[in-house]
Amino acid sequence: MATVPTPLREIAKVVRSKNAGPFEITLDIIFKSREDFEAVKKSGVITRELISELYNVPTQAIITFGFFDLVNAVKITLPRPRAQGAIGETDMHAAQQHVPLQEIRVPWPVQ
């Protein structure tokens, strides 16, 4: 079956980021179906190394990285580059940090 690199935003039901306290940000990728979740998981595209590159965080600094089968989701927790509300901090609620995830390209079957 032929595949085409497809942006994660077109596959996942939810791609979001949120505040996880003054020093952490949580990223969530939630899928519509078990099949979509398993296909993305099996692709091997979403890795700790990719997140490290996208967010300029050393892999060992990533607090949580996991595929949660029970809820068809990927959860990632990162340290904030600056403490919440600190001088120079630009996204107090961490609501804009999910954007790099949306553009991850996943090999996806041609419809």
C-alpha atoms as a PDB file:
ATOM      1  CA  MET A   1       0.000   0.000   0.000  1.00  0.00           C
ATOM      2  CA  ALA A   2       1.344   3.419  -0.943  1.00  0.00           C
ATOM      3  CA  THR A   3       1.911   6.016   1.743  1.00  0.00           C
ATOM      4  CA  VAL A   4       2.359   9.759   1.714  1.00  0.00           C
ATOM      5  CA  PRO A   5       3.971  11.921   4.441  1.00  0.00           C
ATOM      6  CA  THR A   6       0.953  13.381   6.249  1.00  0.00           C
ATOM      7  CA  PRO A   7       1.008  16.106   8.930  1.00  0.00           C
ATOM      8  CA  LEU A   8       0.105  14.784  12.367  1.00  0.00           C
ATOM      9  CA  ARG A   9      -2.598  17.483  12.619  1.00  0.00           C
ATOM     10  CA  GLU A  10      -4.526  15.629   9.909  1.00  0.00           C
ATOM     11  CA  ILE A  11      -4.338  12.302  11.747  1.00  0.00           C
ATOM     12  CA  ALA A  12      -4.738  13.119  15.443  1.00  0.00           C
ATOM     13  CA  LYS A  13      -8.008  14.243  17.004  1.00  0.00           C
ATOM     14  CA  VAL A  14      -6.217  16.525  19.475  1.00  0.00           C
ATOM     15  CA  VAL A  15      -2.723  18.036  19.446  1.00  0.00           C
ATOM     16  CA  ARG A  16      -2.348  20.363  22.401  1.00  0.00           C
ATOM     17  CA  SER A  17       0.016  21.851  24.908  1.00  0.00           C
ATOM     18  CA  LYS A  18      -0.763  23.046  28.373  1.00  0.00           C
ATOM     19  CA  ASN A  19       0.701  24.378  31.528  1.00  0.00           C
ATOM     20  CA  ALA A  20       1.971  21.703  33.910  1.00  0.00           C
ATOM     21  CA  GLY A  21       3.060  24.038  36.681  1.00  0.00           C
ATOM     22  CA  PRO A  22       5.624  26.828  36.845  1.00  0.00           C
ATOM     23  CA  PHE A  23       8.478  24.704  35.500  1.00  0.00           C
ATOM     24  CA  GLU A  24       6.920  22.206  33.074  1.00  0.00           C
ATOM     25  CA  ILE A  25       4.847  22.001  29.876  1.00  0.00           C
ATOM     26  CA  THR A  26       2.752  19.001  28.858  1.00  0.00           C
ATOM     27  CA  LEU A  27       2.130  18.033  25.242  1.00  0.00           C
ATOM     28  CA  ASP A  28      -0.729  15.684  24.349  1.00  0.00           C
ATOM     29  CA  ILE A  29      -1.481  13.892  21.090  1.00  0.00           C
ATOM     30  CA  ILE A  30      -4.812  12.080  21.190  1.00  0.00           C
ATOM     31  CA  PHE A  31      -6.100   9.903  18.356  1.00  0.00           C
ATOM     32  CA  LYS A  32      -9.648   9.309  17.098  1.00  0.00           C
ATOM     33  CA  SER A  33      -9.237   5.572  16.940  1.00  0.00           C
ATOM     34  CA  ARG A  34      -7.080   2.728  18.180  1.00  0.00           C
ATOM     35  CA  GLU A  35      -6.130   2.049  14.548  1.00  0.00           C
ATOM     36  CA  ASP A  36      -4.778   5.578  14.000  1.00  0.00           C
ATOM     37  CA  PHE A  37      -2.921   5.475  17.320  1.00  0.00           C
ATOM     38  CA  GLU A  38      -1.356   2.090  16.567  1.00  0.00           C
ATOM     39  CA  ALA A  39      -0.371   3.129  13.035  1.00  0.00           C
ATOM     40  CA  VAL A  40       1.414   6.255  14.270  1.00  0.00           C
ATOM     41  CA  LYS A  41       3.053   4.336  17.116  1.00  0.00           C
ATOM     42  CA  LYS A  42       4.199   1.589  14.734  1.00  0.00           C
ATOM     43  CA  SER A  43       5.622   4.163  12.282  1.00  0.00           C
ATOM     44  CA  GLY A  44       8.330   5.006  14.821  1.00  0.00           C
ATOM     45  CA  VAL A  45       8.235   8.657  13.792  1.00  0.00           C
ATOM     46  CA  ILE A  46       7.383  10.119  17.199  1.00  0.00           C
ATOM     47  CA  THR A  47      10.426   9.540  19.371  1.00  0.00           C
ATOM     48  CA  ARG A  48      12.156  11.087  22.338  1.00  0.00           C
ATOM     49  CA  GLU A  49      14.910  12.165  19.921  1.00  0.00           C
ATOM     50  CA  LEU A  50      12.461  13.951  17.623  1.00  0.00           C
ATOM     51  CA  ILE A  51      10.919  15.814  20.575  1.00  0.00           C
ATOM     52  CA  SER A  52      14.414  16.746  21.734  1.00  0.00           C
ATOM     53  CA  GLU A  53      15.142  18.224  18.308  1.00  0.00           C
ATOM     54  CA  LEU A  54      11.795  20.018  17.904  1.00  0.00           C
ATOM     55  CA  TYR A  55      11.916  21.627  21.335  1.00  0.00           C
ATOM     56  CA  ASN A  56      15.681  22.057  21.688  1.00  0.00           C
ATOM     57  CA  VAL A  57      15.713  20.044  24.908  1.00  0.00           C
ATOM     58  CA  PRO A  58      18.285  17.331  25.657  1.00  0.00           C
ATOM     59  CA  THR A  59      16.691  13.873  25.556  1.00  0.00           C
ATOM     60  CA  GLN A  60      17.656  13.245  29.172  1.00  0.00           C
ATOM     61  CA  ALA A  61      15.774  16.423  30.212  1.00  0.00           C
ATOM     62  CA  ILE A  62      12.454  15.149  28.831  1.00  0.00           C
ATOM     63  CA  ILE A  63      10.429  14.392  31.951  1.00  0.00           C
ATOM     64  CA  THR A  64       7.724  12.163  30.452  1.00  0.00           C
ATOM     65  CA  PHE A  65       7.535  10.518  27.045  1.00  0.00           C
ATOM     66  CA  GLY A  66       5.124   7.709  26.505  1.00  0.00           C
ATOM     67  CA  PHE A  67       2.473   6.039  24.409  1.00  0.00           C
ATOM     68  CA  PHE A  68      -0.605   5.432  26.550  1.00  0.00           C
ATOM     69  CA  ASP A  69      -2.508   2.575  24.916  1.00  0.00           C
ATOM     70  CA  LEU A  70      -5.532   2.777  27.183  1.00  0.00           C
ATOM     71  CA  VAL A  71      -6.445   6.252  25.908  1.00  0.00           C
ATOM     72  CA  ASN A  72      -4.882   6.224  22.401  1.00  0.00           C
ATOM     73  CA  ALA A  73      -2.538   9.052  23.306  1.00  0.00           C
ATOM     74  CA  VAL A  74       1.046  10.220  23.471  1.00  0.00           C
ATOM     75  CA  LYS A  75       1.991  12.324  26.489  1.00  0.00           C
ATOM     76  CA  ILE A  76       5.169  14.347  26.758  1.00  0.00           C
ATOM     77  CA  THR A  77       6.285  16.595  29.603  1.00  0.00           C
ATOM     78  CA  LEU A  78       9.156  19.029  29.095  1.00  0.00           C
ATOM     79  CA  PRO A  79      10.893  21.543  31.298  1.00  0.00           C
ATOM     80  CA  ARG A  80       9.912  25.116  30.492  1.00  0.00           C
ATOM     81  CA  PRO A  81      12.713  27.174  28.947  1.00  0.00           C
ATOM     82  CA  ARG A  82      11.868  29.852  31.552  1.00  0.00           C
ATOM     83  CA  ALA A  83       9.720  29.638  34.660  1.00  0.00           C
ATOM     84  CA  GLN A  84       6.074  30.534  34.133  1.00  0.00           C
ATOM     85  CA  GLY A  85       5.669  34.311  34.335  1.00  0.00           C
ATOM     86  CA  ALA A  86       9.418  34.964  34.465  1.00  0.00           C
ATOM     87  CA  ILE A  87      10.920  37.856  32.536  1.00  0.00           C
ATOM     88  CA  GLY A  88      11.201  36.814  28.895  1.00  0.00           C
ATOM     89  CA  GLU A  89       8.631  34.033  29.183  1.00  0.00           C
ATOM     90  CA  THR A  90       6.253  34.341  26.224  1.00  0.00           C
ATOM     91  CA  ASP A  91       3.486  31.770  26.738  1.00  0.00           C
ATOM     92  CA  MET A  92       2.277  31.802  30.321  1.00  0.00           C
ATOM     93  CA  HIS A  93      -0.329  29.071  29.763  1.00  0.00           C
ATOM     94  CA  ALA A  94       1.875  27.036  27.392  1.00  0.00           C
ATOM     95  CA  ALA A  95      -1.078  27.034  24.999  1.00  0.00           C
ATOM     96  CA  GLN A  96       1.011  27.674  21.866  1.00  0.00           C
ATOM     97  CA  GLN A  97       3.739  25.081  22.351  1.00  0.00           C
ATOM     98  CA  HIS A  98       2.011  22.286  20.416  1.00  0.00           C
ATOM     99  CA  VAL A  99       2.561  23.847  16.985  1.00  0.00           C
ATOM    100  CA  PRO A 100       5.792  21.921  16.127  1.00  0.00           C
ATOM    101  CA  LEU A 101       3.972  18.640  16.813  1.00  0.00           C
ATOM    102  CA  GLN A 102       1.270  19.442  14.267  1.00  0.00           C
ATOM    103  CA  GLU A 103       3.760  19.428  11.413  1.00  0.00           C
ATOM    104  CA  ILE A 104       5.386  16.060  12.185  1.00  0.00           C
ATOM    105  CA  ARG A 105       5.084  14.014   8.979  1.00  0.00           C
ATOM    106  CA  VAL A 106       3.854  10.459   9.370  1.00  0.00           C
ATOM    107  CA  PRO A 107       3.813   7.924   6.501  1.00  0.00           C
ATOM    108  CA  TRP A 108       0.084   7.478   5.927  1.00  0.00           C
ATOM    109  CA  PRO A 109      -1.853   5.283   3.496  1.00  0.00           C
ATOM    110  CA  VAL A 110      -3.080   7.067   0.381  1.00  0.00           C
ATOM    111  CA  GLN A 111      -6.878   7.329   0.497  1.00  0.00           C
END
